[in-house]
Amino acid sequence: MITDRTELTRELLTVLRELSGLRPATPVTRSWVPWDADVMAVDIDDHAVEIRVVALTLPLEPVLRDAASALAPSLNDSSWRDTRLRLVVTDVDRGALDSLHVPGDADHTNGS
């Protein structure tokens, strides 16, 4: 059983990195950092486990549902098994929008 926040963070990131459609939302840095910057996407407290993600594919609902199902076993095997898991989509990768292109549609954004 996982009882340490750092260990749970590592476990959740390992699972998240194996999923298609999402990646940890981390700040862009211009320099190399001597630690795993992806840990900045995970917050764990007594009430919630929050993971901020960037969507790489759409639609969001099935991607988030699959992610929650994949992450649940890590929480269930931890001291946070009764804690709420919250996935927060902070951004959508431009490549995800390409999947929405409908043949024959004008190639522009709404309002332009």
N, C-alpha and C. Protein backbone atom coordinates (compact mmCIF):
# COMPACT_ATOMS: atom_id res chain seq x y z
N MET A 1 0.84 -1.18 0.00
CA MET A 1 0.00 0.00 0.00
C MET A 1 0.88 1.24 0.00
N ILE A 2 0.51 2.20 -0.84
CA ILE A 2 1.23 3.46 -0.94
C ILE A 2 0.74 4.40 0.16
N THR A 3 1.67 4.91 0.96
CA THR A 3 1.30 5.83 2.04
C THR A 3 2.00 7.18 1.92
N ASP A 4 2.89 7.31 0.95
CA ASP A 4 3.69 8.53 0.79
C ASP A 4 3.19 9.30 -0.44
N ARG A 5 3.01 10.61 -0.31
CA ARG A 5 2.53 11.45 -1.42
C ARG A 5 3.48 11.40 -2.62
N THR A 6 4.76 11.42 -2.36
CA THR A 6 5.74 11.39 -3.45
C THR A 6 5.63 10.09 -4.22
N GLU A 7 5.50 9.00 -3.51
CA GLU A 7 5.37 7.69 -4.16
C GLU A 7 4.07 7.61 -4.97
N LEU A 8 2.98 8.12 -4.41
CA LEU A 8 1.71 8.11 -5.15
C LEU A 8 1.80 8.99 -6.39
N THR A 9 2.44 10.14 -6.27
CA THR A 9 2.62 11.01 -7.42
C THR A 9 3.37 10.29 -8.53
N ARG A 10 4.45 9.62 -8.18
CA ARG A 10 5.22 8.86 -9.18
C ARG A 10 4.36 7.79 -9.84
N GLU A 11 3.59 7.07 -9.03
CA GLU A 11 2.74 6.01 -9.55
C GLU A 11 1.68 6.57 -10.51
N LEU A 12 1.03 7.65 -10.12
CA LEU A 12 0.00 8.25 -10.97
C LEU A 12 0.60 8.75 -12.29
N LEU A 13 1.77 9.36 -12.23
CA LEU A 13 2.42 9.84 -13.45
C LEU A 13 2.83 8.68 -14.35
N THR A 14 3.26 7.58 -13.76
CA THR A 14 3.62 6.40 -14.55
C THR A 14 2.41 5.91 -15.33
N VAL A 15 1.28 5.83 -14.67
CA VAL A 15 0.05 5.38 -15.33
C VAL A 15 -0.36 6.39 -16.40
N LEU A 16 -0.35 7.67 -16.06
CA LEU A 16 -0.77 8.71 -17.00
C LEU A 16 0.09 8.71 -18.26
N ARG A 17 1.37 8.50 -18.11
CA ARG A 17 2.29 8.51 -19.26
C ARG A 17 2.04 7.34 -20.20
N GLU A 18 1.41 6.29 -19.72
CA GLU A 18 1.12 5.12 -20.56
C GLU A 18 -0.18 5.28 -21.34
N LEU A 19 -0.97 6.29 -20.98
CA LEU A 19 -2.25 6.51 -21.63
C LEU A 19 -2.08 7.35 -22.89
N SER A 20 -2.90 7.06 -23.88
CA SER A 20 -2.91 7.93 -25.05
C SER A 20 -4.00 8.96 -24.84
N GLY A 21 -3.80 10.13 -25.36
CA GLY A 21 -4.84 11.15 -25.29
C GLY A 21 -4.63 12.23 -24.26
N LEU A 22 -3.74 12.01 -23.28
CA LEU A 22 -3.47 13.01 -22.24
C LEU A 22 -1.99 13.03 -21.92
N ARG A 23 -1.55 14.18 -21.43
CA ARG A 23 -0.19 14.28 -20.87
C ARG A 23 -0.27 15.21 -19.68
N PRO A 24 0.68 15.09 -18.75
CA PRO A 24 0.69 16.01 -17.61
C PRO A 24 0.85 17.45 -18.08
N ALA A 25 0.13 18.35 -17.45
CA ALA A 25 0.22 19.78 -17.78
C ALA A 25 1.30 20.38 -16.89
N THR A 26 2.40 20.71 -17.50
CA THR A 26 3.51 21.30 -16.76
C THR A 26 3.92 22.59 -17.44
N PRO A 27 4.49 23.50 -16.68
CA PRO A 27 4.91 24.76 -17.28
C PRO A 27 6.06 24.55 -18.27
N VAL A 28 6.09 25.39 -19.27
CA VAL A 28 7.18 25.34 -20.23
C VAL A 28 8.38 26.03 -19.60
N THR A 29 9.49 25.34 -19.60
CA THR A 29 10.71 25.95 -19.06
C THR A 29 11.74 26.05 -20.18
N ARG A 30 12.53 27.08 -20.12
CA ARG A 30 13.57 27.27 -21.13
C ARG A 30 14.88 26.60 -20.73
N SER A 31 14.90 26.07 -19.54
CA SER A 31 16.12 25.42 -19.11
C SER A 31 15.79 24.06 -18.52
N TRP A 32 16.77 23.25 -18.43
CA TRP A 32 16.63 21.92 -17.87
C TRP A 32 16.49 22.04 -16.35
N VAL A 33 15.58 21.27 -15.79
CA VAL A 33 15.43 21.24 -14.34
C VAL A 33 15.93 19.89 -13.85
N PRO A 34 16.56 19.86 -12.68
CA PRO A 34 17.19 18.62 -12.21
C PRO A 34 16.21 17.65 -11.56
N TRP A 35 14.91 17.80 -11.81
CA TRP A 35 13.90 16.91 -11.26
C TRP A 35 12.78 16.76 -12.28
N ASP A 36 11.88 15.86 -12.03
CA ASP A 36 10.78 15.58 -12.95
C ASP A 36 9.74 16.70 -12.85
N ALA A 37 9.70 17.57 -13.83
CA ALA A 37 8.78 18.71 -13.81
C ALA A 37 7.32 18.27 -13.85
N ASP A 38 7.03 17.06 -14.32
CA ASP A 38 5.66 16.59 -14.37
C ASP A 38 5.01 16.49 -12.99
N VAL A 39 5.81 16.40 -11.94
CA VAL A 39 5.22 16.34 -10.59
C VAL A 39 4.44 17.61 -10.28
N MET A 40 4.71 18.69 -11.00
CA MET A 40 3.98 19.94 -10.78
C MET A 40 2.53 19.84 -11.24
N ALA A 41 2.20 18.79 -11.97
CA ALA A 41 0.83 18.60 -12.46
C ALA A 41 -0.04 17.86 -11.45
N VAL A 42 0.54 17.39 -10.36
CA VAL A 42 -0.20 16.57 -9.39
C VAL A 42 -0.22 17.25 -8.03
N ASP A 43 -1.42 17.38 -7.46
CA ASP A 43 -1.59 17.87 -6.09
C ASP A 43 -2.35 16.81 -5.31
N ILE A 44 -1.83 16.49 -4.14
CA ILE A 44 -2.47 15.49 -3.29
C ILE A 44 -2.66 16.09 -1.91
N ASP A 45 -3.91 16.08 -1.44
CA ASP A 45 -4.17 16.45 -0.05
C ASP A 45 -5.18 15.47 0.52
N ASP A 46 -5.69 15.74 1.70
CA ASP A 46 -6.59 14.80 2.36
C ASP A 46 -7.97 14.74 1.71
N HIS A 47 -8.31 15.71 0.87
CA HIS A 47 -9.66 15.78 0.31
C HIS A 47 -9.73 15.43 -1.17
N ALA A 48 -8.63 15.60 -1.88
CA ALA A 48 -8.65 15.37 -3.33
C ALA A 48 -7.26 15.08 -3.86
N VAL A 49 -7.24 14.32 -4.93
CA VAL A 49 -6.05 14.12 -5.74
C VAL A 49 -6.37 14.78 -7.07
N GLU A 50 -5.64 15.84 -7.38
CA GLU A 50 -5.88 16.59 -8.60
C GLU A 50 -4.71 16.42 -9.55
N ILE A 51 -5.04 16.08 -10.80
CA ILE A 51 -4.02 15.95 -11.84
C ILE A 51 -4.42 16.86 -12.98
N ARG A 52 -3.55 17.80 -13.29
CA ARG A 52 -3.79 18.72 -14.39
C ARG A 52 -3.18 18.10 -15.66
N VAL A 53 -3.99 18.09 -16.73
CA VAL A 53 -3.58 17.42 -17.96
C VAL A 53 -3.82 18.31 -19.17
N VAL A 54 -3.13 17.97 -20.24
CA VAL A 54 -3.36 18.57 -21.55
C VAL A 54 -3.98 17.46 -22.41
N ALA A 55 -5.10 17.78 -23.06
CA ALA A 55 -5.76 16.81 -23.93
C ALA A 55 -5.03 16.75 -25.27
N LEU A 56 -4.70 15.54 -25.68
CA LEU A 56 -4.03 15.33 -26.96
C LEU A 56 -4.99 14.82 -28.02
N THR A 57 -6.14 14.31 -27.59
CA THR A 57 -7.18 13.84 -28.51
C THR A 57 -8.54 14.27 -28.00
N LEU A 58 -9.49 14.30 -28.90
CA LEU A 58 -10.88 14.63 -28.58
C LEU A 58 -11.77 13.52 -29.11
N PRO A 59 -12.93 13.34 -28.60
CA PRO A 59 -13.64 14.10 -27.59
C PRO A 59 -13.10 13.80 -26.19
N LEU A 60 -13.31 14.74 -25.29
CA LEU A 60 -12.75 14.64 -23.93
C LEU A 60 -13.40 13.57 -23.07
N GLU A 61 -14.70 13.43 -23.15
CA GLU A 61 -15.40 12.53 -22.21
C GLU A 61 -14.83 11.12 -22.19
N PRO A 62 -14.67 10.44 -23.32
CA PRO A 62 -14.12 9.08 -23.25
C PRO A 62 -12.64 9.04 -22.82
N VAL A 63 -11.89 10.06 -23.20
CA VAL A 63 -10.48 10.12 -22.80
C VAL A 63 -10.36 10.25 -21.29
N LEU A 64 -11.15 11.13 -20.70
CA LEU A 64 -11.11 11.34 -19.25
C LEU A 64 -11.67 10.13 -18.50
N ARG A 65 -12.71 9.52 -19.03
CA ARG A 65 -13.28 8.33 -18.40
C ARG A 65 -12.25 7.19 -18.37
N ASP A 66 -11.57 6.97 -19.50
CA ASP A 66 -10.54 5.93 -19.56
C ASP A 66 -9.39 6.24 -18.61
N ALA A 67 -9.00 7.50 -18.53
CA ALA A 67 -7.91 7.90 -17.63
C ALA A 67 -8.30 7.65 -16.18
N ALA A 68 -9.51 8.04 -15.81
CA ALA A 68 -9.96 7.83 -14.43
C ALA A 68 -9.98 6.34 -14.08
N SER A 69 -10.42 5.51 -15.02
CA SER A 69 -10.43 4.06 -14.79
C SER A 69 -9.02 3.50 -14.64
N ALA A 70 -8.10 4.02 -15.43
CA ALA A 70 -6.71 3.54 -15.37
C ALA A 70 -6.01 4.01 -14.09
N LEU A 71 -6.34 5.19 -13.61
CA LEU A 71 -5.69 5.75 -12.42
C LEU A 71 -6.29 5.22 -11.12
N ALA A 72 -7.53 4.77 -11.14
CA ALA A 72 -8.23 4.32 -9.93
C ALA A 72 -7.49 3.23 -9.16
N PRO A 73 -6.92 2.21 -9.81
CA PRO A 73 -6.22 1.18 -9.03
C PRO A 73 -5.05 1.72 -8.20
N SER A 74 -4.37 2.73 -8.71
CA SER A 74 -3.27 3.33 -7.95
C SER A 74 -3.80 3.99 -6.68
N LEU A 75 -4.93 4.67 -6.80
CA LEU A 75 -5.53 5.29 -5.61
C LEU A 75 -6.07 4.23 -4.66
N ASN A 76 -6.69 3.20 -5.21
CA ASN A 76 -7.28 2.15 -4.36
C ASN A 76 -6.22 1.41 -3.55
N ASP A 77 -4.99 1.41 -4.04
CA ASP A 77 -3.90 0.74 -3.33
C ASP A 77 -3.07 1.76 -2.55
N SER A 78 -3.74 2.79 -2.04
CA SER A 78 -3.02 3.84 -1.32
C SER A 78 -3.85 4.32 -0.13
N SER A 79 -3.25 5.17 0.66
CA SER A 79 -3.95 5.79 1.78
C SER A 79 -5.02 6.77 1.31
N TRP A 80 -5.06 7.06 0.02
CA TRP A 80 -6.01 8.01 -0.56
C TRP A 80 -7.14 7.30 -1.30
N ARG A 81 -7.42 6.05 -0.97
CA ARG A 81 -8.43 5.27 -1.69
C ARG A 81 -9.83 5.90 -1.60
N ASP A 82 -10.12 6.63 -0.55
CA ASP A 82 -11.44 7.25 -0.39
C ASP A 82 -11.44 8.73 -0.80
N THR A 83 -10.36 9.17 -1.39
CA THR A 83 -10.21 10.57 -1.78
C THR A 83 -10.70 10.76 -3.21
N ARG A 84 -11.27 11.91 -3.47
CA ARG A 84 -11.80 12.23 -4.80
C ARG A 84 -10.66 12.45 -5.80
N LEU A 85 -10.77 11.83 -6.97
CA LEU A 85 -9.83 12.06 -8.07
C LEU A 85 -10.43 13.13 -8.98
N ARG A 86 -9.64 14.15 -9.25
CA ARG A 86 -10.11 15.24 -10.12
C ARG A 86 -9.09 15.40 -11.25
N LEU A 87 -9.55 15.22 -12.48
CA LEU A 87 -8.72 15.46 -13.65
C LEU A 87 -9.13 16.82 -14.22
N VAL A 88 -8.17 17.73 -14.31
CA VAL A 88 -8.44 19.09 -14.78
C VAL A 88 -7.73 19.29 -16.11
N VAL A 89 -8.51 19.52 -17.15
CA VAL A 89 -7.93 19.77 -18.47
C VAL A 89 -7.57 21.25 -18.54
N THR A 90 -6.28 21.52 -18.59
CA THR A 90 -5.82 22.91 -18.61
C THR A 90 -5.63 23.45 -20.01
N ASP A 91 -5.53 22.54 -20.99
CA ASP A 91 -5.29 22.97 -22.36
C ASP A 91 -5.63 21.82 -23.29
N VAL A 92 -5.86 22.17 -24.54
CA VAL A 92 -6.08 21.18 -25.59
C VAL A 92 -4.97 21.39 -26.61
N ASP A 93 -4.22 20.34 -26.87
CA ASP A 93 -3.14 20.40 -27.85
C ASP A 93 -3.72 20.69 -29.23
N ARG A 94 -3.02 21.50 -30.00
CA ARG A 94 -3.50 21.86 -31.33
C ARG A 94 -3.76 20.62 -32.19
N GLY A 95 -2.95 19.59 -32.04
CA GLY A 95 -3.13 18.36 -32.80
C GLY A 95 -4.46 17.69 -32.53
N ALA A 96 -5.00 17.88 -31.33
CA ALA A 96 -6.30 17.29 -31.01
C ALA A 96 -7.40 17.92 -31.84
N LEU A 97 -7.24 19.17 -32.19
CA LEU A 97 -8.25 19.87 -32.98
C LEU A 97 -8.29 19.38 -34.41
N ASP A 98 -7.18 18.84 -34.90
CA ASP A 98 -7.14 18.32 -36.26
C ASP A 98 -8.14 17.19 -36.46
N SER A 99 -8.41 16.45 -35.40
CA SER A 99 -9.36 15.34 -35.51
C SER A 99 -10.79 15.83 -35.68
N LEU A 100 -11.04 17.11 -35.45
CA LEU A 100 -12.38 17.66 -35.59
C LEU A 100 -12.68 18.19 -36.98
N HIS A 101 -11.66 18.23 -37.84
CA HIS A 101 -11.83 18.78 -39.18
C HIS A 101 -12.84 17.94 -39.96
N VAL A 102 -13.83 18.61 -40.50
CA VAL A 102 -14.86 17.94 -41.30
C VAL A 102 -14.61 18.29 -42.76
N PRO A 103 -14.50 17.27 -43.62
CA PRO A 103 -14.28 17.56 -45.04
C PRO A 103 -15.34 18.51 -45.58
N GLY A 104 -14.90 19.51 -46.32
CA GLY A 104 -15.81 20.49 -46.90
C GLY A 104 -16.02 21.72 -46.03
N ASP A 105 -15.62 21.65 -44.77
CA ASP A 105 -15.73 22.82 -43.89
C ASP A 105 -14.66 23.83 -44.25
N ALA A 106 -14.97 25.08 -44.02
CA ALA A 106 -13.96 26.12 -44.22
C ALA A 106 -12.85 25.90 -43.19
N ASP A 107 -11.62 26.11 -43.61
CA ASP A 107 -10.47 25.88 -42.73
C ASP A 107 -10.18 27.15 -41.95
N HIS A 108 -11.04 27.48 -40.96
CA HIS A 108 -10.84 28.65 -40.14
C HIS A 108 -11.57 28.45 -38.81
N THR A 109 -11.25 29.30 -37.85
CA THR A 109 -11.90 29.21 -36.55
C THR A 109 -13.19 30.02 -36.57
N ASN A 110 -14.07 29.73 -35.66
CA ASN A 110 -15.32 30.49 -35.56
C ASN A 110 -15.02 31.96 -35.30
N GLY A 111 -15.75 32.81 -35.94
CA GLY A 111 -15.61 34.23 -35.71
C GLY A 111 -14.56 34.91 -36.55
N SER A 112 -13.84 34.17 -37.36
CA SER A 112 -12.82 34.83 -38.19
C SER A 112 -13.29 35.05 -39.59
